[in-house]
Amino acid sequence: MAKKEEHEKEPNHERWLVSYADFITLLFAVFVTLYAMGQTDKKKVEQVLNSMRDSFGYTQSSLPSKGSVIESGNLNLIPTLKTATLVAKRGRSHGEEKDFKSTKTAIEAYLMKTGNQQKVSVNINSRGLVVSLKEAGFFPSGSAALRPGSLALLNDVAQSLSTYSNSIRVEGHTDNIPISSAEYRSNWELSSSRAITVLQYLVQQYDFEPQKISATGYGEFRPVADNGSAEGRGRNRRVDIVLLSEQTARAEPETYTPSVAARSGGEGTADAVK
């Protein structure tokens, strides 16, 4: 009996799906690898940023305790010892122009990262490093009480300056709109009170040396912009924290210190030193 002839198998037109599936799988693997590499880089960058923050004292600290120079309201504010510990370990050093430049760069990078460029500005001039705290970010209008919401940013600024032993001058400024209230009779009084508020915060919370820090109020008479516009007046309402250069510090009042002989009870002269 003759065998039936077998029909030829029809070609498989769906074999391309196998190659396509292999291609999709490889493409998926490539994107997963790229994503993993991207995540690793982010972690490394974050580690570098954290290291820079620690180096310049930008680690977030807790808020100060009740009874300080702010209006705490119902907030449960806790004092911090982190900055004092860091300073004790590293010691304070005298900042020079190169230190001012590196600190300025670090603060500006931090402000950009946190979106606070409109609240703080940093400049270097012949007097030293000038950190300007804008009124809108730190004080209610017509008041010298620090906004509770501004303390985290003020902490970062204070920590960045706390590693230096330079003399510091805190300067209050206003716009040219007169003020006359039950609390402040003039812009001089308001600007002086704001400067003192910041000074007390630095001394109480960050252990700045009282003999190396001072406060002054310039009122409306040292503007940095035109008071004819709202923007200019906003720039003029500020408190400047000035980390004084060595040359500027020489012009500061001298501090009386008894000589060694006088301290020991013997005869001697009294020297005036910085």
C-alpha atoms as a PDB file:
ATOM      1  CA  MET A   1       0.000   0.000   0.000  1.00  0.00           C
ATOM      2  CA  ALA A   2       1.496   3.315  -0.999  1.00  0.00           C
ATOM      3  CA  LYS A   3       2.347   5.859   1.733  1.00  0.00           C
ATOM      4  CA  LYS A   4       0.502   9.066   1.707  1.00  0.00           C
ATOM      5  CA  GLU A   5       2.652  11.987   0.831  1.00  0.00           C
ATOM      6  CA  GLU A   6       3.144  14.318   3.800  1.00  0.00           C
ATOM      7  CA  HIS A   7       2.284  17.935   3.242  1.00  0.00           C
ATOM      8  CA  GLU A   8       5.154  20.420   3.624  1.00  0.00           C
ATOM      9  CA  LYS A   9       4.969  22.451   6.857  1.00  0.00           C
ATOM     10  CA  GLU A  10       3.931  26.014   6.311  1.00  0.00           C
ATOM     11  CA  PRO A  11       6.581  28.577   7.281  1.00  0.00           C
ATOM     12  CA  ASN A  12       6.125  30.123  10.756  1.00  0.00           C
ATOM     13  CA  HIS A  13       5.434  33.801  10.153  1.00  0.00           C
ATOM     14  CA  GLU A  14       5.508  34.629  13.878  1.00  0.00           C
ATOM     15  CA  ARG A  15       9.172  33.768  14.505  1.00  0.00           C
ATOM     16  CA  TRP A  16       9.936  37.478  14.493  1.00  0.00           C
ATOM     17  CA  LEU A  17       8.162  37.723  17.828  1.00  0.00           C
ATOM     18  CA  VAL A  18      10.971  35.760  19.469  1.00  0.00           C
ATOM     19  CA  SER A  19      13.605  38.221  18.234  1.00  0.00           C
ATOM     20  CA  TYR A  20      11.414  41.154  19.163  1.00  0.00           C
ATOM     21  CA  ALA A  21      10.907  39.788  22.677  1.00  0.00           C
ATOM     22  CA  ASP A  22      14.669  39.311  23.054  1.00  0.00           C
ATOM     23  CA  PHE A  23      15.217  42.910  21.916  1.00  0.00           C
ATOM     24  CA  ILE A  24      12.648  44.292  24.378  1.00  0.00           C
ATOM     25  CA  THR A  25      14.198  42.265  27.198  1.00  0.00           C
ATOM     26  CA  LEU A  26      17.684  43.594  26.434  1.00  0.00           C
ATOM     27  CA  LEU A  27      16.360  47.148  26.139  1.00  0.00           C
ATOM     28  CA  PHE A  28      14.625  46.807  29.498  1.00  0.00           C
ATOM     29  CA  ALA A  29      17.844  45.518  31.054  1.00  0.00           C
ATOM     30  CA  VAL A  30      19.755  48.516  29.656  1.00  0.00           C
ATOM     31  CA  PHE A  31      17.282  51.013  31.152  1.00  0.00           C
ATOM     32  CA  VAL A  32      17.293  49.227  34.499  1.00  0.00           C
ATOM     33  CA  THR A  33      21.098  49.398  34.531  1.00  0.00           C
ATOM     34  CA  LEU A  34      21.083  53.096  33.637  1.00  0.00           C
ATOM     35  CA  TYR A  35      18.508  53.799  36.336  1.00  0.00           C
ATOM     36  CA  ALA A  36      20.558  51.912  38.908  1.00  0.00           C
ATOM     37  CA  MET A  37      23.668  53.873  37.927  1.00  0.00           C
ATOM     38  CA  GLY A  38      21.696  57.112  38.231  1.00  0.00           C
ATOM     39  CA  GLN A  39      20.502  56.178  41.701  1.00  0.00           C
ATOM     40  CA  THR A  40      24.054  55.379  42.780  1.00  0.00           C
ATOM     41  CA  ASP A  41      25.280  58.746  41.551  1.00  0.00           C
ATOM     42  CA  LYS A  42      22.508  60.521  43.450  1.00  0.00           C
ATOM     43  CA  LYS A  43      23.511  58.781  46.632  1.00  0.00           C
ATOM     44  CA  LYS A  44      27.145  59.709  46.106  1.00  0.00           C
ATOM     45  CA  VAL A  45      26.231  63.335  45.415  1.00  0.00           C
ATOM     46  CA  GLU A  46      24.074  63.419  48.546  1.00  0.00           C
ATOM     47  CA  GLN A  47      26.965  62.010  50.560  1.00  0.00           C
ATOM     48  CA  VAL A  48      29.254  64.737  49.208  1.00  0.00           C
ATOM     49  CA  LEU A  49      26.658  67.414  50.011  1.00  0.00           C
ATOM     50  CA  ASN A  50      26.225  66.074  53.530  1.00  0.00           C
ATOM     51  CA  SER A  51      29.990  66.145  54.002  1.00  0.00           C
ATOM     52  CA  MET A  52      30.124  69.772  52.810  1.00  0.00           C
ATOM     53  CA  ARG A  53      27.253  70.717  55.116  1.00  0.00           C
ATOM     54  CA  ASP A  54      29.041  69.177  58.064  1.00  0.00           C
ATOM     55  CA  SER A  55      32.289  70.926  57.122  1.00  0.00           C
ATOM     56  CA  PHE A  56      30.622  74.334  56.950  1.00  0.00           C
ATOM     57  CA  GLY A  57      28.160  73.697  59.766  1.00  0.00           C
ATOM     58  CA  TYR A  58      24.987  73.436  57.687  1.00  0.00           C
ATOM     59  CA  THR A  59      23.480  70.502  59.527  1.00  0.00           C
ATOM     60  CA  GLN A  60      19.911  71.279  60.573  1.00  0.00           C
ATOM     61  CA  SER A  61      19.658  71.878  64.269  1.00  0.00           C
ATOM     62  CA  SER A  62      16.719  72.007  66.601  1.00  0.00           C
ATOM     63  CA  LEU A  63      15.075  75.219  67.541  1.00  0.00           C
ATOM     64  CA  PRO A  64      16.020  77.215  70.627  1.00  0.00           C
ATOM     65  CA  SER A  65      14.330  76.905  73.976  1.00  0.00           C
ATOM     66  CA  LYS A  66      11.529  79.018  75.368  1.00  0.00           C
ATOM     67  CA  GLY A  67      12.482  82.243  77.018  1.00  0.00           C
ATOM     68  CA  SER A  68      14.983  83.159  74.287  1.00  0.00           C
ATOM     69  CA  VAL A  69      14.812  86.236  72.074  1.00  0.00           C
ATOM     70  CA  ILE A  70      11.931  84.938  69.910  1.00  0.00           C
ATOM     71  CA  GLU A  71       8.211  84.770  70.432  1.00  0.00           C
ATOM     72  CA  SER A  72       7.781  81.037  70.814  1.00  0.00           C
ATOM     73  CA  GLY A  73       3.999  80.950  71.284  1.00  0.00           C
ATOM     74  CA  ASN A  74       2.857  77.368  71.817  1.00  0.00           C
ATOM     75  CA  LEU A  75       5.884  75.807  70.127  1.00  0.00           C
ATOM     76  CA  ASN A  76       7.842  73.284  72.139  1.00  0.00           C
ATOM     77  CA  LEU A  77      11.316  74.615  71.378  1.00  0.00           C
ATOM     78  CA  ILE A  78      14.339  72.586  72.404  1.00  0.00           C
ATOM     79  CA  PRO A  79      17.880  74.017  72.657  1.00  0.00           C
ATOM     80  CA  THR A  80      20.679  72.465  70.640  1.00  0.00           C
ATOM     81  CA  LEU A  81      24.209  71.549  71.718  1.00  0.00           C
ATOM     82  CA  LYS A  82      25.325  70.314  68.309  1.00  0.00           C
ATOM     83  CA  THR A  83      27.017  73.524  67.213  1.00  0.00           C
ATOM     84  CA  ALA A  84      28.798  74.003  70.543  1.00  0.00           C
ATOM     85  CA  THR A  85      30.068  70.420  70.280  1.00  0.00           C
ATOM     86  CA  LEU A  86      31.325  70.951  66.739  1.00  0.00           C
ATOM     87  CA  VAL A  87      33.102  74.167  67.684  1.00  0.00           C
ATOM     88  CA  ALA A  88      34.638  72.560  70.772  1.00  0.00           C
ATOM     89  CA  LYS A  89      36.007  69.721  68.653  1.00  0.00           C
ATOM     90  CA  ARG A  90      37.338  71.825  65.809  1.00  0.00           C
ATOM     91  CA  GLY A  91      38.123  75.089  67.583  1.00  0.00           C
ATOM     92  CA  ARG A  92      37.471  78.515  66.139  1.00  0.00           C
ATOM     93  CA  SER A  93      39.931  79.878  63.596  1.00  0.00           C
ATOM     94  CA  HIS A  94      40.479  83.375  62.246  1.00  0.00           C
ATOM     95  CA  GLY A  95      38.887  83.763  58.813  1.00  0.00           C
ATOM     96  CA  GLU A  96      40.795  85.386  55.978  1.00  0.00           C
ATOM     97  CA  GLU A  97      39.637  86.512  52.528  1.00  0.00           C
ATOM     98  CA  LYS A  98      39.954  83.010  51.066  1.00  0.00           C
ATOM     99  CA  ASP A  99      37.809  81.679  53.912  1.00  0.00           C
ATOM    100  CA  PHE A 100      35.202  84.373  53.244  1.00  0.00           C
ATOM    101  CA  LYS A 101      35.050  83.350  49.582  1.00  0.00           C
ATOM    102  CA  SER A 102      34.632  79.651  50.317  1.00  0.00           C
ATOM    103  CA  THR A 103      31.978  80.349  52.966  1.00  0.00           C
ATOM    104  CA  LYS A 104      30.130  82.693  50.592  1.00  0.00           C
ATOM    105  CA  THR A 105      30.124  80.016  47.887  1.00  0.00           C
ATOM    106  CA  ALA A 106      28.916  77.357  50.312  1.00  0.00           C
ATOM    107  CA  ILE A 107      26.116  79.523  51.728  1.00  0.00           C
ATOM    108  CA  GLU A 108      24.922  80.537  48.263  1.00  0.00           C
ATOM    109  CA  ALA A 109      24.891  76.907  47.119  1.00  0.00           C
ATOM    110  CA  TYR A 110      22.851  75.993  50.186  1.00  0.00           C
ATOM    111  CA  LEU A 111      20.418  78.869  49.616  1.00  0.00           C
ATOM    112  CA  MET A 112      19.927  77.792  46.011  1.00  0.00           C
ATOM    113  CA  LYS A 113      19.343  74.186  47.028  1.00  0.00           C
ATOM    114  CA  THR A 114      16.755  75.181  49.656  1.00  0.00           C
ATOM    115  CA  GLY A 115      15.167  77.971  47.610  1.00  0.00           C
ATOM    116  CA  ASN A 116      15.986  80.726  50.115  1.00  0.00           C
ATOM    117  CA  GLN A 117      17.833  83.132  47.813  1.00  0.00           C
ATOM    118  CA  GLN A 118      15.169  85.798  48.412  1.00  0.00           C
ATOM    119  CA  LYS A 119      15.588  85.642  52.196  1.00  0.00           C
ATOM    120  CA  VAL A 120      19.386  85.807  52.553  1.00  0.00           C
ATOM    121  CA  SER A 121      22.152  87.312  50.450  1.00  0.00           C
ATOM    122  CA  VAL A 122      25.924  87.132  50.911  1.00  0.00           C
ATOM    123  CA  ASN A 123      28.568  89.649  49.850  1.00  0.00           C
ATOM    124  CA  ILE A 124      32.241  90.346  50.464  1.00  0.00           C
ATOM    125  CA  ASN A 125      33.517  93.894  50.742  1.00  0.00           C
ATOM    126  CA  SER A 126      36.364  95.756  52.404  1.00  0.00           C
ATOM    127  CA  ARG A 127      34.777  95.235  55.838  1.00  0.00           C
ATOM    128  CA  GLY A 128      34.560  91.453  55.505  1.00  0.00           C
ATOM    129  CA  LEU A 129      31.854  88.866  54.839  1.00  0.00           C
ATOM    130  CA  VAL A 130      28.336  90.349  54.931  1.00  0.00           C
ATOM    131  CA  VAL A 131      25.329  88.047  55.381  1.00  0.00           C
ATOM    132  CA  SER A 132      22.081  90.000  54.906  1.00  0.00           C
ATOM    133  CA  LEU A 133      18.886  88.708  56.501  1.00  0.00           C
ATOM    134  CA  LYS A 134      15.886  90.194  54.678  1.00  0.00           C
ATOM    135  CA  GLU A 135      13.026  91.478  56.840  1.00  0.00           C
ATOM    136  CA  ALA A 136      10.411  89.529  54.856  1.00  0.00           C
ATOM    137  CA  GLY A 137      12.080  86.252  55.786  1.00  0.00           C
ATOM    138  CA  PHE A 138      12.904  86.928  59.444  1.00  0.00           C
ATOM    139  CA  PHE A 139      10.758  89.689  61.004  1.00  0.00           C
ATOM    140  CA  PRO A 140       7.095  90.702  60.914  1.00  0.00           C
ATOM    141  CA  SER A 141       6.571  94.254  59.694  1.00  0.00           C
ATOM    142  CA  GLY A 142       7.332  96.803  62.408  1.00  0.00           C
ATOM    143  CA  SER A 143       8.521  94.124  64.850  1.00  0.00           C
ATOM    144  CA  ALA A 144      11.878  92.964  66.206  1.00  0.00           C
ATOM    145  CA  ALA A 145      10.679  89.456  67.139  1.00  0.00           C
ATOM    146  CA  LEU A 146      12.093  86.686  64.981  1.00  0.00           C
ATOM    147  CA  ARG A 147       9.573  84.641  63.032  1.00  0.00           C
ATOM    148  CA  PRO A 148       9.548  81.061  64.417  1.00  0.00           C
ATOM    149  CA  GLY A 149       9.570  79.792  60.825  1.00  0.00           C
ATOM    150  CA  SER A 150      12.839  81.606  60.124  1.00  0.00           C
ATOM    151  CA  LEU A 151      14.861  79.899  62.847  1.00  0.00           C
ATOM    152  CA  ALA A 152      15.964  76.874  60.810  1.00  0.00           C
ATOM    153  CA  LEU A 153      17.522  79.176  58.200  1.00  0.00           C
ATOM    154  CA  LEU A 154      19.047  81.444  60.858  1.00  0.00           C
ATOM    155  CA  ASN A 155      20.536  78.347  62.500  1.00  0.00           C
ATOM    156  CA  ASP A 156      22.253  77.403  59.244  1.00  0.00           C
ATOM    157  CA  VAL A 157      23.673  80.903  58.843  1.00  0.00           C
ATOM    158  CA  ALA A 158      24.850  80.988  62.467  1.00  0.00           C
ATOM    159  CA  GLN A 159      26.519  77.593  62.164  1.00  0.00           C
ATOM    160  CA  SER A 160      28.402  78.646  59.050  1.00  0.00           C
ATOM    161  CA  LEU A 161      29.907  81.587  60.958  1.00  0.00           C
ATOM    162  CA  SER A 162      30.410  79.883  64.326  1.00  0.00           C
ATOM    163  CA  THR A 163      33.711  78.271  63.332  1.00  0.00           C
ATOM    164  CA  TYR A 164      35.407  81.679  62.992  1.00  0.00           C
ATOM    165  CA  SER A 165      36.953  83.734  65.781  1.00  0.00           C
ATOM    166  CA  ASN A 166      36.632  87.037  63.902  1.00  0.00           C
ATOM    167  CA  SER A 167      34.833  89.966  65.471  1.00  0.00           C
ATOM    168  CA  ILE A 168      31.214  90.330  64.324  1.00  0.00           C
ATOM    169  CA  ARG A 169      29.038  93.390  63.924  1.00  0.00           C
ATOM    170  CA  VAL A 170      25.260  92.989  63.628  1.00  0.00           C
ATOM    171  CA  GLU A 171      23.686  95.939  61.809  1.00  0.00           C
ATOM    172  CA  GLY A 172      19.986  96.769  61.578  1.00  0.00           C
ATOM    173  CA  HIS A 173      18.533  98.700  58.615  1.00  0.00           C
ATOM    174  CA  THR A 174      15.085  99.926  57.566  1.00  0.00           C
ATOM    175  CA  ASP A 175      13.498 101.712  54.605  1.00  0.00           C
ATOM    176  CA  ASN A 176      12.646 105.431  54.697  1.00  0.00           C
ATOM    177  CA  ILE A 177       8.998 105.052  55.694  1.00  0.00           C
ATOM    178  CA  PRO A 178       8.677 106.632  59.159  1.00  0.00           C
ATOM    179  CA  ILE A 179       7.513 104.483  62.045  1.00  0.00           C
ATOM    180  CA  SER A 180       5.896 105.732  65.195  1.00  0.00           C
ATOM    181  CA  SER A 181       4.357 103.131  67.454  1.00  0.00           C
ATOM    182  CA  ALA A 182       3.980 102.454  71.139  1.00  0.00           C
ATOM    183  CA  GLU A 183       7.063 100.246  70.965  1.00  0.00           C
ATOM    184  CA  TYR A 184       9.303 102.114  68.510  1.00  0.00           C
ATOM    185  CA  ARG A 185       9.402 105.865  68.089  1.00  0.00           C
ATOM    186  CA  SER A 186      11.724 105.812  65.064  1.00  0.00           C
ATOM    187  CA  ASN A 187      13.408 103.593  62.501  1.00  0.00           C
ATOM    188  CA  TRP A 188      16.597 103.894  64.524  1.00  0.00           C
ATOM    189  CA  GLU A 189      14.974 102.165  67.458  1.00  0.00           C
ATOM    190  CA  LEU A 190      13.442  99.440  65.280  1.00  0.00           C
ATOM    191  CA  SER A 191      16.702  98.725  63.431  1.00  0.00           C
ATOM    192  CA  SER A 192      18.697  98.703  66.675  1.00  0.00           C
ATOM    193  CA  SER A 193      16.217  96.374  68.351  1.00  0.00           C
ATOM    194  CA  ARG A 194      16.349  93.911  65.440  1.00  0.00           C
ATOM    195  CA  ALA A 195      20.142  93.929  65.496  1.00  0.00           C
ATOM    196  CA  ILE A 196      20.144  93.238  69.245  1.00  0.00           C
ATOM    197  CA  THR A 197      17.647  90.405  68.765  1.00  0.00           C
ATOM    198  CA  VAL A 198      19.959  88.661  66.294  1.00  0.00           C
ATOM    199  CA  LEU A 199      23.013  89.372  68.479  1.00  0.00           C
ATOM    200  CA  GLN A 200      21.364  87.811  71.527  1.00  0.00           C
ATOM    201  CA  TYR A 201      20.368  84.777  69.469  1.00  0.00           C
ATOM    202  CA  LEU A 202      23.956  84.247  68.302  1.00  0.00           C
ATOM    203  CA  VAL A 203      25.353  84.608  71.811  1.00  0.00           C
ATOM    204  CA  GLN A 204      22.700  82.543  73.584  1.00  0.00           C
ATOM    205  CA  GLN A 205      22.311  79.721  71.100  1.00  0.00           C
ATOM    206  CA  TYR A 206      25.724  79.527  69.425  1.00  0.00           C
ATOM    207  CA  ASP A 207      28.115  80.754  72.098  1.00  0.00           C
ATOM    208  CA  PHE A 208      29.583  83.656  70.135  1.00  0.00           C
ATOM    209  CA  GLU A 209      32.033  85.572  72.289  1.00  0.00           C
ATOM    210  CA  PRO A 210      30.282  88.676  73.749  1.00  0.00           C
ATOM    211  CA  GLN A 211      33.502  90.711  73.685  1.00  0.00           C
ATOM    212  CA  LYS A 212      33.796  90.138  69.923  1.00  0.00           C
ATOM    213  CA  ILE A 213      30.264  90.929  68.839  1.00  0.00           C
ATOM    214  CA  SER A 214      28.364  94.233  68.722  1.00  0.00           C
ATOM    215  CA  ALA A 215      25.035  95.565  67.457  1.00  0.00           C
ATOM    216  CA  THR A 216      24.115  98.871  65.862  1.00  0.00           C
ATOM    217  CA  GLY A 217      21.080 100.421  64.203  1.00  0.00           C
ATOM    218  CA  TYR A 218      21.424 102.570  61.086  1.00  0.00           C
ATOM    219  CA  GLY A 219      17.724 103.158  60.548  1.00  0.00           C
ATOM    220  CA  GLU A 220      17.010 104.333  57.009  1.00  0.00           C
ATOM    221  CA  PHE A 221      20.348 106.036  56.452  1.00  0.00           C
ATOM    222  CA  ARG A 222      22.450 103.227  54.923  1.00  0.00           C
ATOM    223  CA  PRO A 223      20.271 101.999  52.038  1.00  0.00           C
ATOM    224  CA  VAL A 224      21.533  99.522  49.452  1.00  0.00           C
ATOM    225  CA  ALA A 225      18.723 100.259  46.966  1.00  0.00           C
ATOM    226  CA  ASP A 226      16.366 103.039  45.913  1.00  0.00           C
ATOM    227  CA  ASN A 227      13.582 103.604  48.430  1.00  0.00           C
ATOM    228  CA  GLY A 228      11.401 104.890  45.610  1.00  0.00           C
ATOM    229  CA  SER A 229      10.213 101.364  44.742  1.00  0.00           C
ATOM    230  CA  ALA A 230       8.674  98.556  46.796  1.00  0.00           C
ATOM    231  CA  GLU A 231      11.476  96.239  45.691  1.00  0.00           C
ATOM    232  CA  GLY A 232      14.140  98.714  46.792  1.00  0.00           C
ATOM    233  CA  ARG A 233      12.496  99.261  50.169  1.00  0.00           C
ATOM    234  CA  GLY A 234      12.325  95.487  50.642  1.00  0.00           C
ATOM    235  CA  ARG A 235      16.067  95.203  50.046  1.00  0.00           C
ATOM    236  CA  ASN A 236      16.770  98.002  52.509  1.00  0.00           C
ATOM    237  CA  ARG A 237      14.821  96.357  55.355  1.00  0.00           C
ATOM    238  CA  ARG A 238      17.473  93.933  56.555  1.00  0.00           C
ATOM    239  CA  VAL A 239      19.846  92.873  59.314  1.00  0.00           C
ATOM    240  CA  ASP A 240      23.464  92.449  58.230  1.00  0.00           C
ATOM    241  CA  ILE A 241      25.756  90.042  60.061  1.00  0.00           C
ATOM    242  CA  VAL A 242      29.269  91.238  59.241  1.00  0.00           C
ATOM    243  CA  LEU A 243      32.199  88.917  59.865  1.00  0.00           C
ATOM    244  CA  LEU A 244      34.897  91.575  60.140  1.00  0.00           C
ATOM    245  CA  SER A 245      38.192  91.378  58.322  1.00  0.00           C
ATOM    246  CA  GLU A 246      41.377  91.816  60.342  1.00  0.00           C
ATOM    247  CA  GLN A 247      41.898  95.350  59.024  1.00  0.00           C
ATOM    248  CA  THR A 248      38.374  96.441  59.959  1.00  0.00           C
ATOM    249  CA  ALA A 249      38.582  94.768  63.360  1.00  0.00           C
ATOM    250  CA  ARG A 250      41.631  96.888  64.221  1.00  0.00           C
ATOM    251  CA  ALA A 251      39.393  99.969  64.191  1.00  0.00           C
ATOM    252  CA  GLU A 252      37.027  98.459  66.771  1.00  0.00           C
ATOM    253  CA  PRO A 253      37.245  99.700  70.395  1.00  0.00           C
ATOM    254  CA  GLU A 254      39.979  97.992  72.354  1.00  0.00           C
ATOM    255  CA  THR A 255      39.297  95.749  75.332  1.00  0.00           C
ATOM    256  CA  TYR A 256      40.965  96.519  78.660  1.00  0.00           C
ATOM    257  CA  THR A 257      42.862  93.532  80.043  1.00  0.00           C
ATOM    258  CA  PRO A 258      44.983  93.732  83.220  1.00  0.00           C
ATOM    259  CA  SER A 259      48.613  92.793  82.772  1.00  0.00           C
ATOM    260  CA  VAL A 260      50.078  89.670  84.308  1.00  0.00           C
ATOM    261  CA  ALA A 261      51.700  91.730  87.070  1.00  0.00           C
ATOM    262  CA  ALA A 262      48.447  93.452  87.920  1.00  0.00           C
ATOM    263  CA  ARG A 263      46.585  90.116  88.040  1.00  0.00           C
ATOM    264  CA  SER A 264      49.227  88.688  90.394  1.00  0.00           C
ATOM    265  CA  GLY A 265      48.825  91.580  92.811  1.00  0.00           C
ATOM    266  CA  GLY A 266      52.167  93.220  92.067  1.00  0.00           C
ATOM    267  CA  GLU A 267      52.898  96.530  90.438  1.00  0.00           C
ATOM    268  CA  GLY A 268      52.359  96.688  86.774  1.00  0.00           C
ATOM    269  CA  THR A 269      50.646  98.490  83.961  1.00  0.00           C
ATOM    270  CA  ALA A 270      47.345  97.781  82.330  1.00  0.00           C
ATOM    271  CA  ASP A 271      47.449  96.935  78.644  1.00  0.00           C
ATOM    272  CA  ALA A 272      44.661  97.431  76.139  1.00  0.00           C
ATOM    273  CA  VAL A 273      44.432  94.585  73.707  1.00  0.00           C
ATOM    274  CA  LYS A 274      42.111  93.408  71.049  1.00  0.00           C
END
